Amino acid sequence: GLNLGELERWQNTSPIRDWIQVQKQSELDELHV
């Protein structure tokens, strides 16, 4: 929700990084973060 913008700061930290790597980039782009 309101904390979505914080996700970018965690994108190189496991397990967030591992989650990102199995998602379609086009769907990640739709988050606009």
Full PDB file with SEQRES, HELIX, SHEET, SSBOND, CRYST1, ORIGX, SCALE, CONECT and MASTER records, all heavy atoms in Angstrom:
SEQRES   1 A   33  GLY LEU ASN LEU GLY GLU LEU GLU ARG TRP GLN ASN THR          
SEQRES   2 A   33  SER PRO ILE ARG ASP TRP ILE GLN VAL GLN LYS GLN SER          
SEQRES   3 A   33  GLU LEU ASP GLU LEU HIS VAL                                  
HELIX    1 AA1 LEU A    4  TRP A   10  5                                   7    
HELIX    2 AA2 ILE A   16  GLN A   21  1                                   6    
HELIX    3 AA3 GLN A   25  ASP A   29  1                                   5    
CRYST1    1.000    1.000    1.000  90.00  90.00  90.00 P 1           1          
ORIGX1      1.000000  0.000000  0.000000        0.00000                         
ORIGX2      0.000000  1.000000  0.000000        0.00000                         
ORIGX3      0.000000  0.000000  1.000000        0.00000                         
SCALE1      1.000000  0.000000  0.000000        0.00000                         
SCALE2      0.000000  1.000000  0.000000        0.00000                         
SCALE3      0.000000  0.000000  1.000000        0.00000                         
ATOM      1  N   GLY A   1       0.808  -1.208   0.000  1.00  0.00           N  
ATOM      2  CA  GLY A   1       0.000   0.000   0.000  1.00  0.00           C  
ATOM      3  C   GLY A   1       0.847   1.267   0.000  1.00  0.00           C  
ATOM      4  O   GLY A   1       1.646   1.507  -0.907  1.00  0.00           O  
ATOM      5  N   LEU A   2       0.725   2.072   1.033  1.00  0.00           N  
ATOM      6  CA  LEU A   2       1.441   3.344   1.127  1.00  0.00           C  
ATOM      7  C   LEU A   2       2.952   3.159   1.239  1.00  0.00           C  
ATOM      8  O   LEU A   2       3.712   4.107   1.027  1.00  0.00           O  
ATOM      9  CB  LEU A   2       0.934   4.138   2.345  1.00  0.00           C  
ATOM     10  CG  LEU A   2      -0.546   4.547   2.307  1.00  0.00           C  
ATOM     11  CD1 LEU A   2      -0.932   5.215   3.627  1.00  0.00           C  
ATOM     12  CD2 LEU A   2      -0.826   5.475   1.136  1.00  0.00           C  
ATOM     13  N   ASN A   3       3.398   1.958   1.561  1.00  0.00           N  
ATOM     14  CA  ASN A   3       4.838   1.695   1.729  1.00  0.00           C  
ATOM     15  C   ASN A   3       5.493   1.156   0.463  1.00  0.00           C  
ATOM     16  O   ASN A   3       6.673   0.780   0.487  1.00  0.00           O  
ATOM     17  CB  ASN A   3       5.055   0.696   2.870  1.00  0.00           C  
ATOM     18  CG  ASN A   3       4.578   1.243   4.206  1.00  0.00           C  
ATOM     19  OD1 ASN A   3       4.832   2.406   4.533  1.00  0.00           O  
ATOM     20  ND2 ASN A   3       3.878   0.431   4.973  1.00  0.00           N  
ATOM     21  N   LEU A   4       4.758   1.115  -0.649  1.00  0.00           N  
ATOM     22  CA  LEU A   4       5.289   0.533  -1.884  1.00  0.00           C  
ATOM     23  C   LEU A   4       6.571   1.221  -2.337  1.00  0.00           C  
ATOM     24  O   LEU A   4       7.504   0.577  -2.828  1.00  0.00           O  
ATOM     25  CB  LEU A   4       4.228   0.610  -2.989  1.00  0.00           C  
ATOM     26  CG  LEU A   4       4.640   0.047  -4.351  1.00  0.00           C  
ATOM     27  CD1 LEU A   4       4.919  -1.455  -4.249  1.00  0.00           C  
ATOM     28  CD2 LEU A   4       3.557   0.328  -5.391  1.00  0.00           C  
ATOM     29  N   GLY A   5       6.630   2.540  -2.175  1.00  0.00           N  
ATOM     30  CA  GLY A   5       7.810   3.285  -2.622  1.00  0.00           C  
ATOM     31  C   GLY A   5       9.098   2.864  -1.946  1.00  0.00           C  
ATOM     32  O   GLY A   5      10.188   3.071  -2.494  1.00  0.00           O  
ATOM     33  N   GLU A   6       8.998   2.252  -0.765  1.00  0.00           N  
ATOM     34  CA  GLU A   6      10.190   1.808  -0.034  1.00  0.00           C  
ATOM     35  C   GLU A   6      10.812   0.560  -0.644  1.00  0.00           C  
ATOM     36  O   GLU A   6      11.956   0.202  -0.334  1.00  0.00           O  
ATOM     37  CB  GLU A   6       9.828   1.526   1.427  1.00  0.00           C  
ATOM     38  CG  GLU A   6       9.355   2.745   2.206  1.00  0.00           C  
ATOM     39  CD  GLU A   6      10.487   3.745   2.396  1.00  0.00           C  
ATOM     40  OE1 GLU A   6      11.598   3.314   2.733  1.00  0.00           O  
ATOM     41  OE2 GLU A   6      10.243   4.939   2.181  1.00  0.00           O  
ATOM     42  N   LEU A   7      10.057  -0.103  -1.534  1.00  0.00           N  
ATOM     43  CA  LEU A   7      10.526  -1.387  -2.073  1.00  0.00           C  
ATOM     44  C   LEU A   7      11.811  -1.241  -2.874  1.00  0.00           C  
ATOM     45  O   LEU A   7      12.655  -2.142  -2.862  1.00  0.00           O  
ATOM     46  CB  LEU A   7       9.421  -1.993  -2.949  1.00  0.00           C  
ATOM     47  CG  LEU A   7       9.570  -3.462  -3.357  1.00  0.00           C  
ATOM     48  CD1 LEU A   7       9.714  -4.355  -2.131  1.00  0.00           C  
ATOM     49  CD2 LEU A   7       8.375  -3.899  -4.188  1.00  0.00           C  
ATOM     50  N   GLU A   8      11.991  -0.108  -3.554  1.00  0.00           N  
ATOM     51  CA  GLU A   8      13.193   0.083  -4.362  1.00  0.00           C  
ATOM     52  C   GLU A   8      14.459   0.021  -3.510  1.00  0.00           C  
ATOM     53  O   GLU A   8      15.488  -0.495  -3.945  1.00  0.00           O  
ATOM     54  CB  GLU A   8      13.131   1.424  -5.096  1.00  0.00           C  
ATOM     55  CG  GLU A   8      14.332   1.657  -6.014  1.00  0.00           C  
ATOM     56  CD  GLU A   8      14.312   3.023  -6.661  1.00  0.00           C  
ATOM     57  OE1 GLU A   8      13.518   3.882  -6.219  1.00  0.00           O  
ATOM     58  OE2 GLU A   8      15.096   3.245  -7.601  1.00  0.00           O  
ATOM     59  N   ARG A   9      14.403   0.537  -2.293  1.00  0.00           N  
ATOM     60  CA  ARG A   9      15.580   0.535  -1.418  1.00  0.00           C  
ATOM     61  C   ARG A   9      15.972  -0.872  -1.007  1.00  0.00           C  
ATOM     62  O   ARG A   9      17.106  -1.109  -0.591  1.00  0.00           O  
ATOM     63  CB  ARG A   9      15.297   1.377  -0.178  1.00  0.00           C  
ATOM     64  CG  ARG A   9      15.111   2.866  -0.455  1.00  0.00           C  
ATOM     65  CD  ARG A   9      14.611   3.602   0.781  1.00  0.00           C  
ATOM     66  NE  ARG A   9      15.387   3.263   1.968  1.00  0.00           N  
ATOM     67  CZ  ARG A   9      15.012   3.536   3.208  1.00  0.00           C  
ATOM     68  NH1 ARG A   9      13.841   4.132   3.430  1.00  0.00           N  
ATOM     69  NH2 ARG A   9      15.773   3.205   4.227  1.00  0.00           N  
ATOM     70  N   TRP A  10      15.050  -1.816  -1.114  1.00  0.00           N  
ATOM     71  CA  TRP A  10      15.305  -3.192  -0.691  1.00  0.00           C  
ATOM     72  C   TRP A  10      15.572  -4.129  -1.863  1.00  0.00           C  
ATOM     73  O   TRP A  10      15.765  -5.333  -1.659  1.00  0.00           O  
ATOM     74  CB  TRP A  10      14.093  -3.723   0.087  1.00  0.00           C  
ATOM     75  CG  TRP A  10      13.915  -3.111   1.436  1.00  0.00           C  
ATOM     76  CD1 TRP A  10      13.514  -1.831   1.728  1.00  0.00           C  
ATOM     77  CD2 TRP A  10      14.106  -3.753   2.701  1.00  0.00           C  
ATOM     78  NE1 TRP A  10      13.436  -1.634   3.082  1.00  0.00           N  
ATOM     79  CE2 TRP A  10      13.800  -2.806   3.712  1.00  0.00           C  
ATOM     80  CE3 TRP A  10      14.490  -5.039   3.090  1.00  0.00           C  
ATOM     81  CZ2 TRP A  10      13.872  -3.101   5.065  1.00  0.00           C  
ATOM     82  CZ3 TRP A  10      14.571  -5.334   4.432  1.00  0.00           C  
ATOM     83  CH2 TRP A  10      14.276  -4.365   5.410  1.00  0.00           C  
ATOM     84  N   GLN A  11      15.588  -3.624  -3.086  1.00  0.00           N  
ATOM     85  CA  GLN A  11      15.597  -4.515  -4.243  1.00  0.00           C  
ATOM     86  C   GLN A  11      16.888  -5.317  -4.405  1.00  0.00           C  
ATOM     87  O   GLN A  11      16.907  -6.310  -5.135  1.00  0.00           O  
ATOM     88  CB  GLN A  11      15.291  -3.745  -5.517  1.00  0.00           C  
ATOM     89  CG  GLN A  11      16.330  -2.752  -5.957  1.00  0.00           C  
ATOM     90  CD  GLN A  11      15.973  -2.144  -7.307  1.00  0.00           C  
ATOM     91  OE1 GLN A  11      15.406  -2.811  -8.174  1.00  0.00           O  
ATOM     92  NE2 GLN A  11      16.291  -0.874  -7.492  1.00  0.00           N  
ATOM     93  N   ASN A  12      17.944  -4.914  -3.740  1.00  0.00           N  
ATOM     94  CA  ASN A  12      19.194  -5.686  -3.810  1.00  0.00           C  
ATOM     95  C   ASN A  12      19.430  -6.524  -2.567  1.00  0.00           C  
ATOM     96  O   ASN A  12      20.523  -7.045  -2.357  1.00  0.00           O  
ATOM     97  CB  ASN A  12      20.378  -4.738  -4.026  1.00  0.00           C  
ATOM     98  CG  ASN A  12      20.313  -4.046  -5.378  1.00  0.00           C  
ATOM     99  OD1 ASN A  12      19.992  -4.679  -6.384  1.00  0.00           O  
ATOM    100  ND2 ASN A  12      20.603  -2.745  -5.409  1.00  0.00           N  
ATOM    101  N   THR A  13      18.392  -6.638  -1.752  1.00  0.00           N  
ATOM    102  CA  THR A  13      18.493  -7.395  -0.502  1.00  0.00           C  
ATOM    103  C   THR A  13      17.673  -8.673  -0.621  1.00  0.00           C  
ATOM    104  O   THR A  13      16.522  -8.650  -1.058  1.00  0.00           O  
ATOM    105  CB  THR A  13      17.958  -6.555   0.685  1.00  0.00           C  
ATOM    106  OG1 THR A  13      18.667  -5.318   0.741  1.00  0.00           O  
ATOM    107  CG2 THR A  13      18.134  -7.308   1.992  1.00  0.00           C  
ATOM    108  N   SER A  14      18.273  -9.802  -0.249  1.00  0.00           N  
ATOM    109  CA  SER A  14      17.545 -11.075  -0.249  1.00  0.00           C  
ATOM    110  C   SER A  14      16.550 -11.071   0.911  1.00  0.00           C  
ATOM    111  O   SER A  14      16.849 -10.523   1.982  1.00  0.00           O  
ATOM    112  CB  SER A  14      18.535 -12.232  -0.088  1.00  0.00           C  
ATOM    113  OG  SER A  14      17.872 -13.466  -0.135  1.00  0.00           O  
ATOM    114  N   PRO A  15      15.330 -11.610   0.728  1.00  0.00           N  
ATOM    115  CA  PRO A  15      14.826 -12.339  -0.445  1.00  0.00           C  
ATOM    116  C   PRO A  15      14.081 -11.469  -1.451  1.00  0.00           C  
ATOM    117  O   PRO A  15      13.547 -11.997  -2.429  1.00  0.00           O  
ATOM    118  CB  PRO A  15      13.873 -13.334   0.205  1.00  0.00           C  
ATOM    119  CG  PRO A  15      13.272 -12.561   1.327  1.00  0.00           C  
ATOM    120  CD  PRO A  15      14.384 -11.695   1.872  1.00  0.00           C  
ATOM    121  N   ILE A  16      14.038 -10.147  -1.234  1.00  0.00           N  
ATOM    122  CA  ILE A  16      13.353  -9.268  -2.179  1.00  0.00           C  
ATOM    123  C   ILE A  16      13.997  -9.380  -3.559  1.00  0.00           C  
ATOM    124  O   ILE A  16      13.314  -9.454  -4.590  1.00  0.00           O  
ATOM    125  CB  ILE A  16      13.389  -7.799  -1.697  1.00  0.00           C  
ATOM    126  CG1 ILE A  16      12.774  -7.667  -0.296  1.00  0.00           C  
ATOM    127  CG2 ILE A  16      12.663  -6.905  -2.684  1.00  0.00           C  
ATOM    128  CD1 ILE A  16      11.323  -8.061  -0.200  1.00  0.00           C  
ATOM    129  N   ARG A  17      15.332  -9.421  -3.606  1.00  0.00           N  
ATOM    130  CA  ARG A  17      16.044  -9.555  -4.874  1.00  0.00           C  
ATOM    131  C   ARG A  17      15.633 -10.838  -5.594  1.00  0.00           C  
ATOM    132  O   ARG A  17      15.395 -10.846  -6.807  1.00  0.00           O  
ATOM    133  CB  ARG A  17      17.557  -9.556  -4.628  1.00  0.00           C  
ATOM    134  CG  ARG A  17      18.395  -9.719  -5.899  1.00  0.00           C  
ATOM    135  CD  ARG A  17      19.865  -9.886  -5.590  1.00  0.00           C  
ATOM    136  NE  ARG A  17      20.115 -11.114  -4.833  1.00  0.00           N  
ATOM    137  CZ  ARG A  17      20.560 -11.141  -3.578  1.00  0.00           C  
ATOM    138  NH1 ARG A  17      20.814 -10.024  -2.947  1.00  0.00           N  
ATOM    139  NH2 ARG A  17      20.760 -12.284  -2.962  1.00  0.00           N  
ATOM    140  N   ASP A  18      15.530 -11.940  -4.844  1.00  0.00           N  
ATOM    141  CA  ASP A  18      15.164 -13.220  -5.443  1.00  0.00           C  
ATOM    142  C   ASP A  18      13.744 -13.174  -5.991  1.00  0.00           C  
ATOM    143  O   ASP A  18      13.452 -13.761  -7.035  1.00  0.00           O  
ATOM    144  CB  ASP A  18      15.289 -14.340  -4.403  1.00  0.00           C  
ATOM    145  CG  ASP A  18      16.682 -14.399  -3.801  1.00  0.00           C  
ATOM    146  OD1 ASP A  18      17.649 -14.104  -4.528  1.00  0.00           O  
ATOM    147  OD2 ASP A  18      16.820 -14.733  -2.610  1.00  0.00           O  
ATOM    148  N   TRP A  19      12.858 -12.479  -5.280  1.00  0.00           N  
ATOM    149  CA  TRP A  19      11.478 -12.342  -5.748  1.00  0.00           C  
ATOM    150  C   TRP A  19      11.425 -11.545  -7.044  1.00  0.00           C  
ATOM    151  O   TRP A  19      10.735 -11.927  -7.997  1.00  0.00           O  
ATOM    152  CB  TRP A  19      10.629 -11.669  -4.666  1.00  0.00           C  
ATOM    153  CG  TRP A  19       9.241 -11.366  -5.112  1.00  0.00           C  
ATOM    154  CD1 TRP A  19       8.193 -12.234  -5.200  1.00  0.00           C  
ATOM    155  CD2 TRP A  19       8.744 -10.099  -5.584  1.00  0.00           C  
ATOM    156  NE1 TRP A  19       7.070 -11.596  -5.686  1.00  0.00           N  
ATOM    157  CE2 TRP A  19       7.383 -10.292  -5.928  1.00  0.00           C  
ATOM    158  CE3 TRP A  19       9.317  -8.842  -5.728  1.00  0.00           C  
ATOM    159  CZ2 TRP A  19       6.591  -9.254  -6.411  1.00  0.00           C  
ATOM    160  CZ3 TRP A  19       8.531  -7.803  -6.222  1.00  0.00           C  
ATOM    161  CH2 TRP A  19       7.192  -8.013  -6.551  1.00  0.00           C  
ATOM    162  N   ILE A  20      12.187 -10.459  -7.110  1.00  0.00           N  
ATOM    163  CA  ILE A  20      12.213  -9.617  -8.303  1.00  0.00           C  
ATOM    164  C   ILE A  20      12.674 -10.410  -9.518  1.00  0.00           C  
ATOM    165  O   ILE A  20      12.117 -10.287 -10.621  1.00  0.00           O  
ATOM    166  CB  ILE A  20      13.130  -8.400  -8.076  1.00  0.00           C  
ATOM    167  CG1 ILE A  20      12.475  -7.423  -7.089  1.00  0.00           C  
ATOM    168  CG2 ILE A  20      13.454  -7.690  -9.392  1.00  0.00           C  
ATOM    169  CD1 ILE A  20      13.361  -6.262  -6.682  1.00  0.00           C  
ATOM    170  N   GLN A  21      13.668 -11.252  -9.335  1.00  0.00           N  
ATOM    171  CA  GLN A  21      14.269 -11.972 -10.453  1.00  0.00           C  
ATOM    172  C   GLN A  21      13.329 -12.972 -11.120  1.00  0.00           C  
ATOM    173  O   GLN A  21      13.561 -13.365 -12.264  1.00  0.00           O  
ATOM    174  CB  GLN A  21      15.545 -12.678  -9.993  1.00  0.00           C  
ATOM    175  CG  GLN A  21      16.678 -11.715  -9.668  1.00  0.00           C  
ATOM    176  CD  GLN A  21      17.897 -12.406  -9.077  1.00  0.00           C  
ATOM    177  OE1 GLN A  21      17.832 -13.569  -8.661  1.00  0.00           O  
ATOM    178  NE2 GLN A  21      19.010 -11.695  -9.026  1.00  0.00           N  
ATOM    179  N   VAL A  22      12.270 -13.392 -10.434  1.00  0.00           N  
ATOM    180  CA  VAL A  22      11.332 -14.346 -11.036  1.00  0.00           C  
ATOM    181  C   VAL A  22      10.056 -13.666 -11.532  1.00  0.00           C  
ATOM    182  O   VAL A  22       9.136 -14.335 -11.982  1.00  0.00           O  
ATOM    183  CB  VAL A  22      10.980 -15.480 -10.046  1.00  0.00           C  
ATOM    184  CG1 VAL A  22      12.215 -16.262  -9.654  1.00  0.00           C  
ATOM    185  CG2 VAL A  22      10.276 -14.936  -8.802  1.00  0.00           C  
ATOM    186  N   GLN A  23      10.018 -12.324 -11.452  1.00  0.00           N  
ATOM    187  CA  GLN A  23       8.858 -11.577 -11.952  1.00  0.00           C  
ATOM    188  C   GLN A  23       9.138 -11.053 -13.360  1.00  0.00           C  
ATOM    189  O   GLN A  23      10.284 -10.821 -13.738  1.00  0.00           O  
ATOM    190  CB  GLN A  23       8.529 -10.398 -11.026  1.00  0.00           C  
ATOM    191  CG  GLN A  23       8.374 -10.762  -9.560  1.00  0.00           C  
ATOM    192  CD  GLN A  23       7.365 -11.863  -9.314  1.00  0.00           C  
ATOM    193  OE1 GLN A  23       6.282 -11.865  -9.903  1.00  0.00           O  
ATOM    194  NE2 GLN A  23       7.718 -12.790  -8.433  1.00  0.00           N  
ATOM    195  N   LYS A  24       8.091 -10.857 -14.138  1.00  0.00           N  
ATOM    196  CA  LYS A  24       8.246 -10.236 -15.442  1.00  0.00           C  
ATOM    197  C   LYS A  24       8.569  -8.750 -15.250  1.00  0.00           C  
ATOM    198  O   LYS A  24       7.912  -8.065 -14.473  1.00  0.00           O  
ATOM    199  CB  LYS A  24       6.961 -10.381 -16.253  1.00  0.00           C  
ATOM    200  CG  LYS A  24       6.646 -11.808 -16.669  1.00  0.00           C  
ATOM    201  CD  LYS A  24       5.371 -11.858 -17.493  1.00  0.00           C  
ATOM    202  CE  LYS A  24       5.059 -13.279 -17.918  1.00  0.00           C  
ATOM    203  NZ  LYS A  24       3.797 -13.366 -18.698  1.00  0.00           N  
ATOM    204  N   GLN A  25       9.572  -8.278 -15.975  1.00  0.00           N  
ATOM    205  CA  GLN A  25       9.970  -6.885 -15.836  1.00  0.00           C  
ATOM    206  C   GLN A  25       8.823  -5.946 -16.204  1.00  0.00           C  
ATOM    207  O   GLN A  25       8.663  -4.879 -15.591  1.00  0.00           O  
ATOM    208  CB  GLN A  25      11.195  -6.590 -16.712  1.00  0.00           C  
ATOM    209  CG  GLN A  25      11.751  -5.183 -16.550  1.00  0.00           C  
ATOM    210  CD  GLN A  25      12.195  -4.886 -15.126  1.00  0.00           C  
ATOM    211  OE1 GLN A  25      12.892  -5.673 -14.511  1.00  0.00           O  
ATOM    212  NE2 GLN A  25      11.781  -3.744 -14.592  1.00  0.00           N  
ATOM    213  N   SER A  26       8.011  -6.348 -17.169  1.00  0.00           N  
ATOM    214  CA  SER A  26       6.888  -5.503 -17.577  1.00  0.00           C  
ATOM    215  C   SER A  26       5.898  -5.307 -16.428  1.00  0.00           C  
ATOM    216  O   SER A  26       5.317  -4.226 -16.273  1.00  0.00           O  
ATOM    217  CB  SER A  26       6.170  -6.122 -18.784  1.00  0.00           C  
ATOM    218  OG  SER A  26       5.679  -7.426 -18.476  1.00  0.00           O  
ATOM    219  N   GLU A  27       5.710  -6.344 -15.599  1.00  0.00           N  
ATOM    220  CA  GLU A  27       4.799  -6.231 -14.456  1.00  0.00           C  
ATOM    221  C   GLU A  27       5.428  -5.403 -13.337  1.00  0.00           C  
ATOM    222  O   GLU A  27       4.731  -4.667 -12.635  1.00  0.00           O  
ATOM    223  CB  GLU A  27       4.414  -7.618 -13.949  1.00  0.00           C  
ATOM    224  CG  GLU A  27       3.591  -8.419 -14.954  1.00  0.00           C  
ATOM    225  CD  GLU A  27       3.177  -9.777 -14.415  1.00  0.00           C  
ATOM    226  OE1 GLU A  27       3.456 -10.068 -13.229  1.00  0.00           O  
ATOM    227  OE2 GLU A  27       2.569 -10.547 -15.173  1.00  0.00           O  
ATOM    228  N   LEU A  28       6.743  -5.508 -13.188  1.00  0.00           N  
ATOM    229  CA  LEU A  28       7.438  -4.680 -12.197  1.00  0.00           C  
ATOM    230  C   LEU A  28       7.385  -3.207 -12.594  1.00  0.00           C  
ATOM    231  O   LEU A  28       7.251  -2.331 -11.738  1.00  0.00           O  
ATOM    232  CB  LEU A  28       8.892  -5.132 -12.060  1.00  0.00           C  
ATOM    233  CG  LEU A  28       9.129  -6.539 -11.484  1.00  0.00           C  
ATOM    234  CD1 LEU A  28      10.613  -6.895 -11.556  1.00  0.00           C  
ATOM    235  CD2 LEU A  28       8.637  -6.640 -10.054  1.00  0.00           C  
ATOM    236  N   ASP A  29       7.481  -2.948 -13.896  1.00  0.00           N  
ATOM    237  CA  ASP A  29       7.430  -1.565 -14.377  1.00  0.00           C  
ATOM    238  C   ASP A  29       6.090  -0.916 -14.046  1.00  0.00           C  
ATOM    239  O   ASP A  29       6.016   0.305 -13.841  1.00  0.00           O  
ATOM    240  CB  ASP A  29       7.666  -1.522 -15.889  1.00  0.00           C  
ATOM    241  CG  ASP A  29       9.102  -1.895 -16.266  1.00  0.00           C  
ATOM    242  OD1 ASP A  29       9.979  -1.826 -15.382  1.00  0.00           O  
ATOM    243  OD2 ASP A  29       9.330  -2.263 -17.434  1.00  0.00           O  
ATOM    244  N   GLU A  30       5.043  -1.727 -14.009  1.00  0.00           N  
ATOM    245  CA  GLU A  30       3.710  -1.197 -13.726  1.00  0.00           C  
ATOM    246  C   GLU A  30       3.581  -0.686 -12.285  1.00  0.00           C  
ATOM    247  O   GLU A  30       2.645   0.042 -11.966  1.00  0.00           O  
ATOM    248  CB  GLU A  30       2.650  -2.262 -14.002  1.00  0.00           C  
ATOM    249  CG  GLU A  30       2.515  -2.612 -15.486  1.00  0.00           C  
ATOM    250  CD  GLU A  30       1.542  -3.747 -15.723  1.00  0.00           C  
ATOM    251  OE1 GLU A  30       0.933  -4.225 -14.740  1.00  0.00           O  
ATOM    252  OE2 GLU A  30       1.391  -4.164 -16.893  1.00  0.00           O  
ATOM    253  N   LEU A  31       4.524  -1.071 -11.424  1.00  0.00           N  
ATOM    254  CA  LEU A  31       4.507  -0.577 -10.046  1.00  0.00           C  
ATOM    255  C   LEU A  31       5.042   0.844  -9.951  1.00  0.00           C  
ATOM    256  O   LEU A  31       4.788   1.538  -8.957  1.00  0.00           O  
ATOM    257  CB  LEU A  31       5.336  -1.507  -9.146  1.00  0.00           C  
ATOM    258  CG  LEU A  31       4.898  -2.968  -9.077  1.00  0.00           C  
ATOM    259  CD1 LEU A  31       5.795  -3.745  -8.108  1.00  0.00           C  
ATOM    260  CD2 LEU A  31       3.440  -3.101  -8.661  1.00  0.00           C  
ATOM    261  N   HIS A  32       5.840   1.249 -10.952  1.00  0.00           N  
ATOM    262  CA  HIS A  32       6.368   2.625 -11.028  1.00  0.00           C  
ATOM    263  C   HIS A  32       7.205   3.008  -9.804  1.00  0.00           C  
ATOM    264  O   HIS A  32       7.099   4.125  -9.293  1.00  0.00           O  
ATOM    265  CB  HIS A  32       5.228   3.635 -11.207  1.00  0.00           C  
ATOM    266  CG  HIS A  32       4.354   3.367 -12.396  1.00  0.00           C  
ATOM    267  ND1 HIS A  32       4.798   3.489 -13.702  1.00  0.00           N  
ATOM    268  CD2 HIS A  32       3.057   2.951 -12.471  1.00  0.00           C  
ATOM    269  CE1 HIS A  32       3.820   3.174 -14.533  1.00  0.00           C  
ATOM    270  NE2 HIS A  32       2.747   2.842 -13.814  1.00  0.00           N  
ATOM    271  N   VAL A  33       8.020   2.053  -9.350  1.00  0.00           N  
ATOM    272  CA  VAL A  33       8.896   2.371  -8.215  1.00  0.00           C  
ATOM    273  C   VAL A  33      10.370   2.109  -8.552  1.00  0.00           C  
ATOM    274  O   VAL A  33      11.221   2.119  -7.673  1.00  0.00           O  
ATOM    275  CB  VAL A  33       8.489   1.578  -6.948  1.00  0.00           C  
ATOM    276  CG1 VAL A  33       7.159   2.062  -6.425  1.00  0.00           C  
ATOM    277  CG2 VAL A  33       8.471   0.071  -7.203  1.00  0.00           C  
TER     278      VAL A  33                                                      
MASTER        0    0    0    3    0    0    0    6  277    1    0    3          
END                                                                             
